Amino acid sequence: MILLSAFSAGVTPTSPGYEHFQVRPQPGPMREFSVCVPSVRGVINTTFTRHDDRDVITLSVPPGCRCDLFPPTGRRGAVSVWSAGRPVRESVAADVAVTLEPGDHRFEFRDA
């Protein structure tokens, strides 16, 4: 499970106790997965689903934490980031993150 959370789901701490962490999904051939990562601040839950035209990620950021969410690997070129049916960012490169505060989040990454 550590390999799934660290590599495929891309959940890794960037500070002690997951106070700040990143999610950089690398799904490879997997079309969907769900991962729960325990931390001293709470459980980090993330799901990934690949559709033909978009990738959908749900993510729970525990209280007292911040997360940098990167676009999943495997999309061609830049992507647009959507939340609640609206574009959040247009034409985002693979190395540009969306910073998230505590709470439950759902994002779609679509080909730009």
N, C-alpha and C. Protein backbone atom coordinates (compact mmCIF):
# COMPACT_ATOMS: atom_id res chain seq x y z
N MET A 1 0.80 -1.20 0.00
CA MET A 1 0.00 0.00 0.00
C MET A 1 0.84 1.27 0.00
N ILE A 2 2.01 1.21 0.61
CA ILE A 2 2.87 2.39 0.61
C ILE A 2 3.26 2.74 -0.82
N LEU A 3 3.54 1.72 -1.63
CA LEU A 3 3.90 1.99 -3.02
C LEU A 3 2.76 2.63 -3.78
N LEU A 4 1.52 2.15 -3.56
CA LEU A 4 0.37 2.73 -4.25
C LEU A 4 0.19 4.19 -3.85
N SER A 5 0.28 4.48 -2.54
CA SER A 5 0.06 5.87 -2.10
C SER A 5 1.19 6.78 -2.53
N ALA A 6 2.43 6.29 -2.47
CA ALA A 6 3.57 7.15 -2.79
C ALA A 6 3.79 7.31 -4.28
N PHE A 7 3.53 6.27 -5.07
CA PHE A 7 3.85 6.35 -6.49
C PHE A 7 2.62 6.57 -7.35
N SER A 8 1.67 5.66 -7.36
CA SER A 8 0.50 5.82 -8.24
C SER A 8 -0.36 7.00 -7.83
N ALA A 9 -0.70 7.08 -6.55
CA ALA A 9 -1.53 8.20 -6.08
C ALA A 9 -0.69 9.47 -5.93
N GLY A 10 0.61 9.31 -5.71
CA GLY A 10 1.50 10.47 -5.62
C GLY A 10 1.38 11.26 -4.35
N VAL A 11 0.90 10.65 -3.26
CA VAL A 11 0.76 11.35 -1.99
C VAL A 11 2.08 11.26 -1.23
N THR A 12 2.74 12.40 -1.06
CA THR A 12 4.02 12.43 -0.34
C THR A 12 4.09 13.66 0.55
N PRO A 13 4.67 13.51 1.76
CA PRO A 13 4.81 14.67 2.65
C PRO A 13 5.92 15.59 2.15
N THR A 14 5.73 16.87 2.34
CA THR A 14 6.77 17.85 2.04
C THR A 14 7.21 18.57 3.31
N SER A 15 6.57 18.22 4.44
CA SER A 15 6.99 18.70 5.76
C SER A 15 6.61 17.62 6.78
N PRO A 16 7.20 17.67 7.97
CA PRO A 16 6.92 16.63 8.97
C PRO A 16 5.43 16.51 9.30
N GLY A 17 4.99 15.26 9.49
CA GLY A 17 3.61 14.99 9.90
C GLY A 17 2.57 15.31 8.85
N TYR A 18 2.98 15.43 7.59
CA TYR A 18 2.07 15.76 6.49
C TYR A 18 1.39 17.12 6.70
N GLU A 19 2.02 18.01 7.48
CA GLU A 19 1.44 19.36 7.62
C GLU A 19 1.28 20.00 6.24
N HIS A 20 2.26 19.76 5.40
CA HIS A 20 2.18 20.16 4.00
C HIS A 20 2.54 18.92 3.19
N PHE A 21 1.71 18.60 2.21
CA PHE A 21 1.98 17.43 1.38
C PHE A 21 1.60 17.73 -0.05
N GLN A 22 2.03 16.84 -0.94
CA GLN A 22 1.65 17.02 -2.33
C GLN A 22 0.98 15.75 -2.84
N VAL A 23 0.14 15.95 -3.84
CA VAL A 23 -0.49 14.84 -4.55
C VAL A 23 -0.14 15.04 -6.02
N ARG A 24 0.61 14.08 -6.56
CA ARG A 24 1.07 14.13 -7.94
C ARG A 24 0.78 12.76 -8.56
N PRO A 25 -0.49 12.52 -8.96
CA PRO A 25 -0.88 11.19 -9.45
C PRO A 25 -0.09 10.74 -10.68
N GLN A 26 0.31 9.48 -10.65
CA GLN A 26 0.99 8.83 -11.76
C GLN A 26 0.29 7.50 -12.01
N PRO A 27 -0.90 7.54 -12.60
CA PRO A 27 -1.73 6.33 -12.68
C PRO A 27 -1.24 5.26 -13.64
N GLY A 28 -0.37 5.61 -14.58
CA GLY A 28 0.05 4.60 -15.56
C GLY A 28 -1.17 4.01 -16.26
N PRO A 29 -1.28 2.69 -16.37
CA PRO A 29 -2.41 2.08 -17.07
C PRO A 29 -3.69 1.99 -16.22
N MET A 30 -3.61 2.32 -14.92
CA MET A 30 -4.80 2.22 -14.06
C MET A 30 -5.81 3.30 -14.44
N ARG A 31 -7.07 2.90 -14.51
CA ARG A 31 -8.12 3.86 -14.84
C ARG A 31 -8.79 4.41 -13.58
N GLU A 32 -8.61 3.72 -12.46
CA GLU A 32 -9.15 4.25 -11.21
C GLU A 32 -8.47 3.59 -10.01
N PHE A 33 -8.40 4.35 -8.93
CA PHE A 33 -7.92 3.82 -7.65
C PHE A 33 -8.37 4.74 -6.53
N SER A 34 -8.29 4.21 -5.32
CA SER A 34 -8.65 4.95 -4.12
C SER A 34 -7.59 4.64 -3.07
N VAL A 35 -7.12 5.67 -2.37
CA VAL A 35 -6.05 5.51 -1.39
C VAL A 35 -6.39 6.29 -0.13
N CYS A 36 -6.11 5.68 1.03
CA CYS A 36 -6.20 6.34 2.33
C CYS A 36 -4.82 6.34 2.95
N VAL A 37 -4.32 7.53 3.29
CA VAL A 37 -2.98 7.66 3.87
C VAL A 37 -3.15 8.22 5.29
N PRO A 38 -2.82 7.42 6.31
CA PRO A 38 -2.92 7.95 7.68
C PRO A 38 -1.79 8.93 7.97
N SER A 39 -2.11 9.98 8.70
CA SER A 39 -1.10 10.93 9.15
C SER A 39 -1.46 11.33 10.58
N VAL A 40 -0.54 12.00 11.24
CA VAL A 40 -0.80 12.42 12.63
C VAL A 40 -1.90 13.47 12.69
N ARG A 41 -2.22 14.10 11.59
CA ARG A 41 -3.25 15.15 11.54
C ARG A 41 -4.61 14.64 11.06
N GLY A 42 -4.65 13.40 10.60
CA GLY A 42 -5.88 12.81 10.09
C GLY A 42 -5.61 12.02 8.84
N VAL A 43 -6.65 11.43 8.31
CA VAL A 43 -6.51 10.58 7.13
C VAL A 43 -6.63 11.41 5.86
N ILE A 44 -5.71 11.18 4.95
CA ILE A 44 -5.76 11.80 3.62
C ILE A 44 -6.40 10.78 2.70
N ASN A 45 -7.56 11.11 2.16
CA ASN A 45 -8.26 10.23 1.23
C ASN A 45 -8.19 10.84 -0.16
N THR A 46 -7.88 10.00 -1.14
CA THR A 46 -7.88 10.48 -2.52
C THR A 46 -8.38 9.37 -3.43
N THR A 47 -9.15 9.77 -4.43
CA THR A 47 -9.60 8.84 -5.47
C THR A 47 -9.22 9.43 -6.82
N PHE A 48 -9.00 8.55 -7.76
CA PHE A 48 -8.65 8.94 -9.12
C PHE A 48 -9.49 8.12 -10.08
N THR A 49 -10.07 8.79 -11.09
CA THR A 49 -10.80 8.10 -12.16
C THR A 49 -10.42 8.74 -13.48
N ARG A 50 -9.96 7.92 -14.42
CA ARG A 50 -9.60 8.42 -15.76
C ARG A 50 -10.74 8.12 -16.72
N HIS A 51 -11.25 9.17 -17.35
CA HIS A 51 -12.24 9.07 -18.42
C HIS A 51 -11.51 9.43 -19.71
N ASP A 52 -12.12 9.18 -20.84
CA ASP A 52 -11.46 9.51 -22.11
C ASP A 52 -11.13 10.99 -22.23
N ASP A 53 -12.02 11.86 -21.73
CA ASP A 53 -11.84 13.30 -21.93
C ASP A 53 -11.38 14.06 -20.68
N ARG A 54 -11.25 13.37 -19.55
CA ARG A 54 -10.86 14.07 -18.33
C ARG A 54 -10.42 13.08 -17.26
N ASP A 55 -9.68 13.59 -16.28
CA ASP A 55 -9.33 12.84 -15.07
C ASP A 55 -10.05 13.51 -13.91
N VAL A 56 -10.64 12.71 -13.02
CA VAL A 56 -11.36 13.24 -11.86
C VAL A 56 -10.62 12.81 -10.60
N ILE A 57 -10.33 13.78 -9.74
CA ILE A 57 -9.65 13.50 -8.47
C ILE A 57 -10.48 14.08 -7.34
N THR A 58 -10.75 13.25 -6.33
CA THR A 58 -11.32 13.75 -5.08
C THR A 58 -10.24 13.64 -4.02
N LEU A 59 -10.25 14.58 -3.10
CA LEU A 59 -9.17 14.63 -2.12
C LEU A 59 -9.68 15.25 -0.83
N SER A 60 -9.37 14.59 0.30
CA SER A 60 -9.67 15.14 1.62
C SER A 60 -8.37 15.61 2.25
N VAL A 61 -8.32 16.88 2.59
CA VAL A 61 -7.15 17.47 3.25
C VAL A 61 -7.50 17.64 4.73
N PRO A 62 -6.76 16.96 5.63
CA PRO A 62 -7.09 17.03 7.07
C PRO A 62 -6.90 18.43 7.65
N PRO A 63 -7.54 18.70 8.80
CA PRO A 63 -7.36 19.98 9.48
C PRO A 63 -5.88 20.23 9.78
N GLY A 64 -5.46 21.48 9.64
CA GLY A 64 -4.09 21.85 9.94
C GLY A 64 -3.10 21.50 8.84
N CYS A 65 -3.61 21.07 7.68
CA CYS A 65 -2.74 20.68 6.57
C CYS A 65 -2.99 21.57 5.35
N ARG A 66 -2.02 21.56 4.44
CA ARG A 66 -2.17 22.17 3.13
C ARG A 66 -1.64 21.19 2.10
N CYS A 67 -2.20 21.24 0.91
CA CYS A 67 -1.83 20.29 -0.12
C CYS A 67 -1.58 21.00 -1.45
N ASP A 68 -0.55 20.57 -2.15
CA ASP A 68 -0.33 21.01 -3.53
C ASP A 68 -0.75 19.86 -4.44
N LEU A 69 -1.79 20.08 -5.22
CA LEU A 69 -2.32 19.08 -6.14
C LEU A 69 -1.82 19.38 -7.54
N PHE A 70 -1.12 18.41 -8.13
CA PHE A 70 -0.57 18.55 -9.48
C PHE A 70 -1.44 17.76 -10.47
N PRO A 71 -1.47 18.17 -11.72
CA PRO A 71 -2.20 17.39 -12.74
C PRO A 71 -1.64 15.98 -12.84
N PRO A 72 -2.51 15.00 -13.07
CA PRO A 72 -2.05 13.62 -13.24
C PRO A 72 -1.19 13.48 -14.50
N THR A 73 -0.24 12.56 -14.44
CA THR A 73 0.53 12.26 -15.63
C THR A 73 -0.36 11.51 -16.62
N GLY A 74 0.01 11.58 -17.88
CA GLY A 74 -0.73 10.82 -18.89
C GLY A 74 -1.64 11.64 -19.77
N ARG A 75 -1.93 12.88 -19.42
CA ARG A 75 -2.71 13.74 -20.30
C ARG A 75 -1.73 14.36 -21.28
N ARG A 76 -2.18 14.65 -22.45
CA ARG A 76 -1.29 15.24 -23.47
C ARG A 76 -1.25 16.75 -23.34
N GLY A 77 -0.05 17.30 -23.16
CA GLY A 77 0.10 18.75 -23.12
C GLY A 77 -0.53 19.38 -21.89
N ALA A 78 -0.93 20.63 -22.04
CA ALA A 78 -1.51 21.39 -20.94
C ALA A 78 -2.94 20.91 -20.67
N VAL A 79 -3.39 21.17 -19.46
CA VAL A 79 -4.75 20.80 -19.07
C VAL A 79 -5.45 22.03 -18.48
N SER A 80 -6.78 21.99 -18.47
CA SER A 80 -7.53 22.98 -17.73
C SER A 80 -8.05 22.29 -16.47
N VAL A 81 -8.13 23.06 -15.39
CA VAL A 81 -8.54 22.53 -14.10
C VAL A 81 -9.94 23.04 -13.80
N TRP A 82 -10.85 22.11 -13.47
CA TRP A 82 -12.25 22.44 -13.21
C TRP A 82 -12.65 22.02 -11.80
N SER A 83 -13.50 22.81 -11.17
CA SER A 83 -14.08 22.47 -9.88
C SER A 83 -15.50 23.02 -9.84
N ALA A 84 -16.43 22.23 -9.35
CA ALA A 84 -17.84 22.63 -9.26
C ALA A 84 -18.39 23.07 -10.61
N GLY A 85 -17.95 22.39 -11.69
CA GLY A 85 -18.47 22.68 -13.02
C GLY A 85 -17.93 23.94 -13.67
N ARG A 86 -16.93 24.56 -13.05
CA ARG A 86 -16.36 25.80 -13.59
C ARG A 86 -14.85 25.68 -13.72
N PRO A 87 -14.29 26.33 -14.74
CA PRO A 87 -12.82 26.30 -14.86
C PRO A 87 -12.17 27.10 -13.73
N VAL A 88 -11.15 26.51 -13.13
CA VAL A 88 -10.39 27.17 -12.07
C VAL A 88 -9.13 27.77 -12.68
N ARG A 89 -8.49 27.01 -13.56
CA ARG A 89 -7.30 27.48 -14.26
C ARG A 89 -7.32 26.91 -15.67
N GLU A 90 -6.94 27.73 -16.61
CA GLU A 90 -6.87 27.31 -18.01
C GLU A 90 -5.43 27.02 -18.39
N SER A 91 -5.23 26.04 -19.20
CA SER A 91 -3.93 25.73 -19.80
C SER A 91 -2.81 25.65 -18.77
N VAL A 92 -2.91 24.69 -17.87
CA VAL A 92 -1.93 24.48 -16.82
C VAL A 92 -0.93 23.42 -17.26
N ALA A 93 0.34 23.70 -17.08
CA ALA A 93 1.39 22.72 -17.38
C ALA A 93 1.44 21.68 -16.26
N ALA A 94 2.08 20.56 -16.53
CA ALA A 94 2.12 19.45 -15.59
C ALA A 94 2.83 19.78 -14.29
N ASP A 95 3.67 20.82 -14.27
CA ASP A 95 4.41 21.15 -13.07
C ASP A 95 3.81 22.31 -12.27
N VAL A 96 2.56 22.66 -12.56
CA VAL A 96 1.88 23.75 -11.85
C VAL A 96 0.82 23.15 -10.93
N ALA A 97 0.90 23.49 -9.65
CA ALA A 97 -0.01 22.91 -8.66
C ALA A 97 -1.14 23.87 -8.29
N VAL A 98 -2.22 23.27 -7.81
CA VAL A 98 -3.32 24.00 -7.18
C VAL A 98 -3.15 23.77 -5.68
N THR A 99 -3.03 24.84 -4.89
CA THR A 99 -2.85 24.70 -3.44
C THR A 99 -4.20 24.63 -2.76
N LEU A 100 -4.37 23.61 -1.90
CA LEU A 100 -5.65 23.35 -1.25
C LEU A 100 -5.54 23.49 0.26
N GLU A 101 -6.56 24.07 0.85
CA GLU A 101 -6.69 24.17 2.30
C GLU A 101 -7.46 22.95 2.81
N PRO A 102 -7.60 22.79 4.12
CA PRO A 102 -8.34 21.64 4.66
C PRO A 102 -9.77 21.58 4.13
N GLY A 103 -10.23 20.36 3.94
CA GLY A 103 -11.60 20.13 3.46
C GLY A 103 -11.64 19.08 2.38
N ASP A 104 -12.83 18.87 1.84
CA ASP A 104 -13.06 17.90 0.78
C ASP A 104 -13.10 18.63 -0.56
N HIS A 105 -12.38 18.10 -1.53
CA HIS A 105 -12.24 18.75 -2.82
C HIS A 105 -12.49 17.75 -3.95
N ARG A 106 -12.99 18.27 -5.07
CA ARG A 106 -13.17 17.46 -6.28
C ARG A 106 -12.72 18.31 -7.46
N PHE A 107 -11.80 17.77 -8.24
CA PHE A 107 -11.28 18.48 -9.40
C PHE A 107 -11.32 17.61 -10.64
N GLU A 108 -11.50 18.27 -11.77
CA GLU A 108 -11.39 17.61 -13.06
C GLU A 108 -10.24 18.25 -13.82
N PHE A 109 -9.44 17.40 -14.45
CA PHE A 109 -8.35 17.87 -15.30
C PHE A 109 -8.70 17.46 -16.72
N ARG A 110 -8.92 18.46 -17.57
CA ARG A 110 -9.34 18.23 -18.96
C ARG A 110 -8.26 18.69 -19.90
N ASP A 111 -8.16 18.03 -21.06
CA ASP A 111 -7.23 18.50 -22.08
C ASP A 111 -7.58 19.92 -22.46
N ALA A 112 -6.55 20.78 -22.51
CA ALA A 112 -6.80 22.20 -22.82
C ALA A 112 -6.97 22.41 -24.31
